[in-house]
Each structure stands twice: as C-alpha cells, then as structure tokens.
Amino acid sequence: MNGTMFVYVGTYTSKGSEGIYVYRMNLESADLELVGKATNIENPSFLAIDPKKRYLYAVNEVHSFAGKKSGAVSAFSIDQKTGELTFLNSKLSLGKSPCYISIDKNGKYVFVANYSSGNVSVLSIMDDGSLGDATDFIQHVGSSVDPKRQEGPHAHSIVIDPSNRYVYVADLGLDKILIYRFDSESGRIIPNEKQAWVKMKPGAGPRHFTFHPNGKFAYVINELDSTIAVFSHDRDNGTLEEIQTVSTLPEGFKGTNYPADVHVSPSGKFLYGSNRGHDSIVIYQVDEETGKPRCVDHESTRGEFPRNFAIDPSGRFLLAANQNTDNIVTFRIDQDTGLLEPTGHETKVSMPVCIEFLSLP
C-alpha cells in the first residue's frame, strides 16, 4: 500500500471534544497519529467525503442553529498534503438533529437525514465545495408500534445506490425503507414509481442501510429488535425484496441492545454490524451468490456503546468508535475468515460518533 491514509472522526462536543479530529494512519500497523482538528463546530457527529476527496461535510446534530429550529450542515476543504480541514460555510439542514449525511456520486449534492423531525433534505454543492441552497425537502409522516421510539417519523440514514439513480432512507419511526428516484440535474428526489417503500417487521427500527459492492444486495441494521434484514436489489428499477433476517446477537443474550452501524467489506465476502449494549461487532460471512450472511463470531469492541465503525479501503483494518468510553479500537481483519484481531492500538477521543477514511496518493 502506497500513499497516505487519513482518518476523520466526528464527535459529540458536549463532554470535552473540540470538534472533528484528523489522524494519519500507519498503513502497516494501523496506528493513528493526531495531525489536526476542526474546532468551534458543535456536534459534528456524522461525516461524508466527496468523491474527488477534496471536501468533507459534517452534520451539526443540534435542535437549533443560527436562531432557527433546525440543525445544520458544515463544509470543509481538505488539504491534500496534511489532511487538515478548513471551514467553508454552514447551511441549515431544514430539520432537527441531523444524524446522517451522504453525497451523490458526482459530488454535486449532499443528502441529509434529520432524526428528530423525521424529514430529509438535499443541499447543492457549489464549485468551490461550499454548500448552496436546498434543492429538495421531504417530510415523512406516520408512526409504528413502539410508543417511545416510533411515535412519529425518525429518518436515520440516507444512501444513494451505486448507479446514482435511487436514494434509500431508513426511517426508524416508520419501520420503512423509503425509496426515491434521484434527478441529478435538479437535485430533487421523487418517490419511486415502482416501489415507494419497503415495510419492515413492526418494531424493527431500521437505522443504517448499505449496499453490497456488487449492487445486487442491500442490508439494513435494525436498532429496536437487534436484527439485520437482507434484500435483493433490482438495479434497474430500484426495488428491494427482503430475502432474509438474521440476529446481531449471540444466542442466550438477554441484556438491552441497540445495534447501530453496518458495513460490507470491500471484497464483498464479509458483513459487520455494531451492537451497543452487547458492545461487540458481529461478523458474518456472505454468500456472494445469494447475498445471505452467516454469523461466524462476535468480537468485543473493548469499550462501550460502539456507535459507528469503519473499514479501511483496502479491507485490512476495522476501527470501532466506542461513544461511551471515549476510545477508538483498531482491529486487523483476517482476509480468509473475516474475523477480527485487536492490533493493540487504541485512540482516546471524547464521544466518537463517526469514522471516515481518506486515501490520498
């Protein structure tokens, strides 16, 4: 492996964090060296990097911003040598507590999921990387069976498909994956004519959604019933069909648990999910013909409440962010089995919430 790997960590700033932390990762040992911070930014919890690796975008996960009842999104330029961030501007997210952000494949729009207000927005990206005006906004409506967590809509993630044509929103409050057609010219998202949503099992609480690298399968991790649902994905019309549901927990576990994040390895051979409560990463081997996962192990994250984790672009390392114990633990991935082995490297940072890798030449 040549080049430089930077790691960006989004945090909650209520307990001592200064904002977004920038690390350089040793490509052999996976040790992290702090090289910069973006400070004076409130709750930059979730991050996304544009396809050309020039800009980083962060949600400001708050209820009010600049006197408005809304969270925000902030834009930064990335120094191509040092990895450091320079603030560009902020825009309202048009909803409270934005918790997820992603970018279209052409780097022209950001998609934002606003958790507390249960809506999604699309913001334009200007030529200099700064954020422009919103190009769309959709308010979800409805509820589901859990009176505390599903009293209304709670958009929890928003992801575009590999073809840049369809957008998928996991709404924990509605027990639905909503499917939108994306107009890349106008920045609008329109309910998909073939299938506007997929209904999950009542009380599942869909949270994060991801695609298999081949685009034929998709996975959603369900926060309220500790499962992962597996879908076949029609790449032409954007539709989903659920084909399997698997538990994220070992047999016999009786404690409280809230799964959070889900990722497929770059090779497509392994699927991982994080368990907050059991405090583990669940490891599955994936049948590449059917997309179905088979659980092979659970690895302790060596901390509490693993909110997020990330796999480096080479597929060799997994970094787990333990929100409640203020630590990021680095694991080496066995390329044959998918099993995780701690490298011994641990990074202390207050309330880590999101990890993003950036590989530069």
Protein backbone atom coordinates (compact mmCIF):
# COMPACT_ATOMS: atom_id res chain seq x y z
CA MET A 1 0.00 0.00 0.00
CA ASN A 2 1.36 3.37 -1.02
CA GLY A 3 0.22 6.91 -0.31
CA THR A 4 -1.25 8.43 2.82
CA MET A 5 -4.31 7.39 4.80
CA PHE A 6 -6.16 9.96 6.85
CA VAL A 7 -8.89 9.16 9.35
CA TYR A 8 -11.55 11.72 10.27
CA VAL A 9 -13.54 11.34 13.48
CA GLY A 10 -16.84 13.10 14.08
CA THR A 11 -17.88 13.60 17.70
CA TYR A 12 -20.40 15.00 20.13
CA THR A 13 -18.90 18.12 21.72
CA SER A 14 -20.87 18.15 24.97
CA LYS A 15 -18.25 16.32 27.07
CA GLY A 16 -14.93 17.83 26.06
CA SER A 17 -14.47 17.07 22.37
CA GLU A 18 -13.24 20.01 20.30
CA GLY A 19 -14.89 19.00 17.02
CA ILE A 20 -13.60 16.88 14.13
CA TYR A 21 -10.29 15.07 14.71
CA VAL A 22 -7.84 14.31 11.89
CA TYR A 23 -5.42 11.38 12.15
CA ARG A 24 -2.75 9.94 9.88
CA MET A 25 -2.86 6.14 9.87
CA ASN A 26 0.26 4.00 9.61
CA LEU A 27 -0.53 1.71 6.68
CA GLU A 28 1.28 -1.27 8.22
CA SER A 29 0.47 -1.10 11.93
CA ALA A 30 -2.78 0.98 11.67
CA ASP A 31 -1.54 3.22 14.48
CA LEU A 32 -3.24 6.65 14.46
CA GLU A 33 -1.32 9.92 14.82
CA LEU A 34 -3.27 13.10 15.53
CA VAL A 35 -2.41 15.70 12.87
CA GLY A 36 -5.22 18.25 13.14
CA LYS A 37 -8.62 19.33 14.45
CA ALA A 38 -11.54 21.34 13.13
CA THR A 39 -12.73 23.24 16.19
CA ASN A 40 -15.54 25.61 17.14
CA ILE A 41 -18.10 23.36 15.49
CA GLU A 42 -20.98 21.96 17.54
CA ASN A 43 -21.75 18.22 17.43
CA PRO A 44 -20.15 17.36 14.07
CA SER A 45 -21.42 13.83 14.57
CA PHE A 46 -21.68 12.31 11.11
CA LEU A 47 -19.27 12.91 8.22
CA ALA A 48 -19.01 12.35 4.48
CA ILE A 49 -16.18 12.99 1.98
CA ASP A 50 -16.87 13.96 -1.62
CA PRO A 51 -15.93 11.51 -4.42
CA LYS A 52 -12.96 13.61 -5.56
CA LYS A 53 -11.57 13.66 -2.00
CA ARG A 54 -11.39 17.46 -1.83
CA TYR A 55 -14.15 18.32 0.64
CA LEU A 56 -15.63 16.99 3.86
CA TYR A 57 -19.17 17.61 5.07
CA ALA A 58 -20.44 17.23 8.62
CA VAL A 59 -23.88 17.44 10.15
CA ASN A 60 -24.29 19.69 13.18
CA GLU A 61 -26.54 17.42 15.23
CA VAL A 62 -28.46 20.08 17.15
CA HIS A 63 -32.07 21.27 17.54
CA SER A 64 -31.37 24.92 16.82
CA PHE A 65 -28.77 26.73 14.72
CA ALA A 66 -28.31 30.44 14.00
CA GLY A 67 -31.57 31.22 15.74
CA LYS A 68 -33.58 28.71 13.67
CA LYS A 69 -35.26 25.50 14.85
CA SER A 70 -33.04 23.32 12.70
CA GLY A 71 -29.74 21.53 12.68
CA ALA A 72 -27.08 22.35 10.11
CA VAL A 73 -24.50 21.00 7.71
CA SER A 74 -20.94 22.36 7.57
CA ALA A 75 -18.49 22.20 4.66
CA PHE A 76 -14.68 21.98 4.84
CA SER A 77 -11.89 21.83 2.28
CA ILE A 78 -9.25 19.13 2.74
CA ASP A 79 -5.55 19.96 2.49
CA GLN A 80 -4.24 17.32 0.07
CA LYS A 81 -0.88 17.06 1.84
CA THR A 82 -1.65 17.40 5.53
CA GLY A 83 -5.26 16.24 5.60
CA GLU A 84 -6.22 19.27 7.66
CA LEU A 85 -9.64 20.88 7.33
CA THR A 86 -10.52 24.50 6.52
CA PHE A 87 -14.06 25.66 7.26
CA LEU A 88 -16.02 26.88 4.22
CA ASN A 89 -19.61 27.51 5.34
CA SER A 90 -22.70 26.12 7.06
CA LYS A 91 -26.30 25.75 5.91
CA LEU A 92 -29.47 24.77 7.75
CA SER A 93 -30.39 21.10 7.40
CA LEU A 94 -34.11 22.02 7.46
CA GLY A 95 -34.79 19.64 10.34
CA LYS A 96 -33.81 18.92 13.93
CA SER A 97 -30.97 16.59 14.93
CA PRO A 98 -29.47 15.72 11.54
CA CYS A 99 -27.76 12.38 12.14
CA TYR A 100 -26.61 11.16 8.72
CA ILE A 101 -25.11 12.71 5.59
CA SER A 102 -24.09 11.28 2.23
CA ILE A 103 -23.08 12.63 -1.17
CA ASP A 104 -24.15 11.78 -4.71
CA LYS A 105 -21.59 10.08 -6.95
CA ASN A 106 -20.91 13.28 -8.92
CA GLY A 107 -20.20 15.36 -5.81
CA LYS A 108 -22.93 17.90 -6.60
CA TYR A 109 -25.42 17.29 -3.76
CA VAL A 110 -25.49 16.25 -0.13
CA PHE A 111 -28.35 14.21 1.33
CA VAL A 112 -29.27 14.74 4.98
CA ALA A 113 -31.46 12.68 7.35
CA ASN A 114 -32.97 14.75 10.18
CA TYR A 115 -33.79 12.34 13.00
CA SER A 116 -35.91 14.30 15.46
CA SER A 117 -38.14 15.98 12.89
CA GLY A 118 -38.39 12.92 10.64
CA ASN A 119 -37.51 14.52 7.33
CA VAL A 120 -34.81 14.54 4.67
CA SER A 121 -33.23 17.35 2.68
CA VAL A 122 -30.96 17.77 -0.32
CA LEU A 123 -28.42 20.63 -0.47
CA SER A 124 -26.43 21.70 -3.51
CA ILE A 125 -22.62 21.79 -3.55
CA MET A 126 -21.01 24.80 -5.20
CA ASP A 127 -17.91 24.67 -7.42
CA ASP A 128 -15.67 25.73 -4.51
CA GLY A 129 -17.04 22.95 -2.27
CA SER A 130 -19.19 25.23 -0.15
CA LEU A 131 -22.84 24.41 0.41
CA GLY A 132 -25.51 26.11 -1.65
CA ASP A 133 -29.26 26.25 -1.23
CA ALA A 134 -31.52 23.29 -0.58
CA THR A 135 -32.86 21.67 -3.74
CA ASP A 136 -35.43 19.44 -2.03
CA PHE A 137 -37.08 18.63 1.28
CA ILE A 138 -39.46 15.80 2.17
CA GLN A 139 -41.35 15.42 5.45
CA HIS A 140 -42.14 11.86 6.43
CA VAL A 141 -45.46 11.12 8.19
CA GLY A 142 -46.75 8.22 10.26
CA SER A 143 -45.71 6.06 13.20
CA SER A 144 -45.24 2.44 14.23
CA VAL A 145 -45.71 0.17 17.24
CA ASP A 146 -43.15 1.37 19.82
CA PRO A 147 -44.81 4.29 21.70
CA LYS A 148 -41.48 5.72 22.91
CA ARG A 149 -39.27 5.40 19.83
CA GLN A 150 -41.80 5.22 16.98
CA GLU A 151 -44.37 7.88 17.92
CA GLY A 152 -43.52 9.63 14.65
CA PRO A 153 -41.05 9.52 11.78
CA HIS A 154 -37.31 9.37 12.52
CA ALA A 155 -35.18 9.40 9.38
CA HIS A 156 -31.92 7.72 10.43
CA SER A 157 -29.89 7.26 7.25
CA ILE A 158 -29.97 8.31 3.61
CA VAL A 159 -27.91 6.47 0.99
CA ILE A 160 -27.66 6.66 -2.80
CA ASP A 161 -27.33 3.50 -4.86
CA PRO A 162 -24.18 2.72 -6.88
CA SER A 163 -25.83 3.92 -10.11
CA ASN A 164 -26.58 7.38 -8.64
CA ARG A 165 -30.26 6.98 -9.59
CA TYR A 166 -32.08 5.96 -6.40
CA VAL A 167 -31.95 7.18 -2.80
CA TYR A 168 -32.85 4.97 0.17
CA VAL A 169 -33.94 6.34 3.56
CA ALA A 170 -34.15 4.10 6.64
CA ASP A 171 -36.83 5.59 8.90
CA LEU A 172 -36.69 4.10 12.39
CA GLY A 173 -40.01 5.64 13.43
CA LEU A 174 -41.98 4.31 10.47
CA ASP A 175 -40.39 0.84 10.17
CA LYS A 176 -39.86 1.61 6.49
CA ILE A 177 -37.12 1.92 3.90
CA LEU A 178 -38.34 4.74 1.66
CA ILE A 179 -37.15 4.71 -1.96
CA TYR A 180 -36.75 7.84 -4.06
CA ARG A 181 -35.70 8.40 -7.64
CA PHE A 182 -32.90 10.97 -7.83
CA ASP A 183 -32.89 13.67 -10.51
CA SER A 184 -29.21 14.59 -10.75
CA GLU A 185 -29.95 17.70 -12.79
CA SER A 186 -32.37 19.40 -10.40
CA GLY A 187 -31.29 17.77 -7.12
CA ARG A 188 -34.86 16.58 -6.50
CA ILE A 189 -35.85 13.23 -5.01
CA ILE A 190 -39.16 11.76 -6.17
CA PRO A 191 -40.95 8.73 -4.63
CA ASN A 192 -40.06 5.69 -6.73
CA GLU A 193 -42.95 4.75 -9.03
CA LYS A 194 -42.20 1.01 -8.95
CA GLN A 195 -41.87 0.83 -5.15
CA ALA A 196 -42.08 3.84 -2.85
CA TRP A 197 -41.13 1.96 0.30
CA VAL A 198 -40.46 -1.42 1.90
CA LYS A 199 -42.26 -2.14 5.17
CA MET A 200 -40.12 -3.75 7.86
CA LYS A 201 -41.27 -6.05 10.64
CA PRO A 202 -43.25 -3.93 13.18
CA GLY A 203 -40.90 -2.68 15.90
CA ALA A 204 -37.72 -3.45 13.94
CA GLY A 205 -36.50 0.16 13.86
CA PRO A 206 -34.37 0.35 10.68
CA ARG A 207 -31.29 2.50 11.25
CA HIS A 208 -28.35 2.25 8.83
CA PHE A 209 -28.52 0.92 5.26
CA THR A 210 -25.73 -0.22 2.95
CA PHE A 211 -25.16 -1.95 -0.38
CA HIS A 212 -23.06 -4.98 -1.24
CA PRO A 213 -20.20 -3.91 -3.55
CA ASN A 214 -21.85 -5.78 -6.44
CA GLY A 215 -25.01 -3.68 -6.07
CA LYS A 216 -27.25 -6.77 -6.16
CA PHE A 217 -27.89 -6.88 -2.41
CA ALA A 218 -28.54 -4.43 0.40
CA TYR A 219 -28.57 -4.64 4.19
CA VAL A 220 -30.31 -2.66 6.94
CA ILE A 221 -29.45 -2.94 10.61
CA ASN A 222 -32.47 -2.68 12.89
CA GLU A 223 -31.94 -0.83 16.17
CA LEU A 224 -35.00 -1.95 18.10
CA ASP A 225 -35.06 -5.72 17.53
CA SER A 226 -31.31 -6.41 17.03
CA THR A 227 -31.51 -7.83 13.52
CA ILE A 228 -30.10 -7.26 10.04
CA ALA A 229 -32.51 -7.56 7.11
CA VAL A 230 -31.13 -8.68 3.76
CA PHE A 231 -32.60 -7.52 0.45
CA SER A 232 -32.18 -8.36 -3.18
CA HIS A 233 -31.82 -5.09 -5.11
CA ASP A 234 -33.11 -4.56 -8.64
CA ARG A 235 -30.54 -2.19 -10.09
CA ASP A 236 -32.80 -1.15 -12.98
CA ASN A 237 -35.94 -0.04 -11.13
CA GLY A 238 -34.57 0.48 -7.61
CA THR A 239 -36.87 -2.01 -5.91
CA LEU A 240 -35.99 -4.11 -2.85
CA GLU A 241 -37.18 -7.58 -1.84
CA GLU A 242 -36.43 -8.88 1.65
CA ILE A 243 -34.88 -12.35 1.48
CA GLN A 244 -33.54 -12.99 4.99
CA THR A 245 -33.37 -11.60 8.53
CA VAL A 246 -30.58 -12.54 10.94
CA SER A 247 -29.92 -11.70 14.58
CA THR A 248 -26.99 -9.46 15.55
CA LEU A 249 -26.71 -11.13 18.97
CA PRO A 250 -25.37 -14.45 20.23
CA GLU A 251 -27.89 -16.98 21.45
CA GLY A 252 -28.83 -16.52 25.09
CA PHE A 253 -28.02 -12.81 25.41
CA LYS A 254 -30.78 -11.21 27.50
CA GLY A 255 -29.49 -7.67 28.05
CA THR A 256 -30.51 -4.40 26.42
CA ASN A 257 -29.01 -3.85 23.00
CA TYR A 258 -29.26 -1.22 20.25
CA PRO A 259 -27.46 -2.06 17.00
CA ALA A 260 -26.07 0.98 15.23
CA ASP A 261 -23.88 0.62 12.15
CA VAL A 262 -23.49 -1.86 9.28
CA HIS A 263 -20.80 -2.29 6.60
CA VAL A 264 -19.78 -4.82 3.96
CA SER A 265 -16.07 -5.43 3.42
CA PRO A 266 -14.64 -4.08 0.12
CA SER A 267 -14.20 -7.69 -1.05
CA GLY A 268 -17.91 -8.37 -0.53
CA LYS A 269 -17.04 -11.51 1.46
CA PHE A 270 -17.90 -10.24 4.95
CA LEU A 271 -20.65 -8.26 6.67
CA TYR A 272 -20.28 -6.48 10.02
CA GLY A 273 -22.65 -4.77 12.43
CA SER A 274 -22.17 -2.96 15.76
CA ASN A 275 -24.05 -3.85 18.95
CA ARG A 276 -24.47 -1.16 21.60
CA GLY A 277 -25.18 -2.97 24.86
CA HIS A 278 -23.58 -6.27 23.95
CA ASP A 279 -20.69 -3.95 22.92
CA SER A 280 -19.49 -6.04 20.03
CA ILE A 281 -19.01 -6.26 16.30
CA VAL A 282 -20.99 -9.14 14.82
CA ILE A 283 -19.15 -10.86 11.96
CA TYR A 284 -20.84 -12.68 9.08
CA GLN A 285 -19.52 -14.45 6.03
CA VAL A 286 -21.57 -13.55 2.95
CA ASP A 287 -22.63 -15.98 0.23
CA GLU A 288 -21.73 -13.93 -2.82
CA GLU A 289 -24.30 -15.73 -5.00
CA THR A 290 -27.30 -15.17 -2.71
CA GLY A 291 -26.08 -12.23 -0.58
CA LYS A 292 -27.12 -14.11 2.55
CA PRO A 293 -24.90 -13.74 5.63
CA ARG A 294 -23.91 -16.49 8.07
CA CYS A 295 -22.81 -15.44 11.54
CA VAL A 296 -19.32 -16.64 12.46
CA ASP A 297 -18.40 -14.64 15.57
CA HIS A 298 -18.88 -11.64 17.87
CA GLU A 299 -15.82 -9.55 18.76
CA SER A 300 -15.77 -7.26 21.79
CA THR A 301 -15.14 -3.63 20.84
CA ARG A 302 -13.02 -3.15 24.01
CA GLY A 303 -15.31 -0.29 25.03
CA GLU A 304 -18.93 0.68 25.48
CA PHE A 305 -21.64 1.71 23.01
CA PRO A 306 -19.93 1.26 19.59
CA ARG A 307 -21.90 3.93 17.72
CA ASN A 308 -20.00 3.61 14.48
CA PHE A 309 -17.18 1.68 12.87
CA ALA A 310 -15.37 1.82 9.55
CA ILE A 311 -13.36 -0.50 7.32
CA ASP A 312 -10.33 0.97 5.55
CA PRO A 313 -10.42 0.97 1.71
CA SER A 314 -8.01 -1.97 1.49
CA GLY A 315 -10.24 -4.10 3.72
CA ARG A 316 -7.37 -4.87 6.11
CA PHE A 317 -8.44 -2.89 9.19
CA LEU A 318 -11.61 -2.10 11.10
CA LEU A 319 -11.83 0.84 13.52
CA ALA A 320 -14.59 0.75 16.17
CA ALA A 321 -15.73 4.00 17.83
CA ASN A 322 -16.92 3.45 21.40
CA GLN A 323 -19.01 6.51 22.23
CA ASN A 324 -19.43 5.98 25.98
CA THR A 325 -15.82 5.07 26.79
CA ASP A 326 -14.19 7.72 24.57
CA ASN A 327 -11.99 5.32 22.63
CA ILE A 328 -11.40 4.02 19.12
CA VAL A 329 -10.05 0.47 18.91
CA THR A 330 -8.23 -0.85 15.84
CA PHE A 331 -8.67 -4.42 14.59
CA ARG A 332 -6.95 -6.37 11.84
CA ILE A 333 -9.32 -8.28 9.52
CA ASP A 334 -8.45 -11.89 8.64
CA GLN A 335 -8.79 -11.93 4.85
CA ASP A 336 -9.90 -15.58 4.77
CA THR A 337 -12.38 -15.70 7.63
CA GLY A 338 -13.36 -12.07 8.27
CA LEU A 339 -12.52 -12.50 11.96
CA LEU A 340 -11.18 -9.51 13.88
CA GLU A 341 -7.94 -9.40 15.86
CA PRO A 342 -7.09 -6.38 18.06
CA THR A 343 -3.88 -4.70 16.93
CA GLY A 344 -3.26 -3.28 20.38
CA HIS A 345 -3.76 0.28 19.14
CA GLU A 346 -6.34 2.38 20.93
CA THR A 347 -7.04 6.08 20.39
CA LYS A 348 -8.61 8.26 23.07
CA VAL A 349 -11.12 10.85 21.85
CA SER A 350 -14.23 12.21 23.57
CA MET A 351 -17.53 10.72 22.36
CA PRO A 352 -16.51 9.45 18.90
CA VAL A 353 -19.57 9.02 16.67
CA CYS A 354 -18.37 8.60 13.07
CA ILE A 355 -15.19 7.47 11.30
CA GLU A 356 -14.29 8.29 7.68
CA PHE A 357 -11.20 7.12 5.80
CA LEU A 358 -9.45 9.15 3.12
CA SER A 359 -6.74 7.59 0.98
CA LEU A 360 -4.53 10.02 -0.96
CA PRO A 361 -1.66 9.29 -3.39
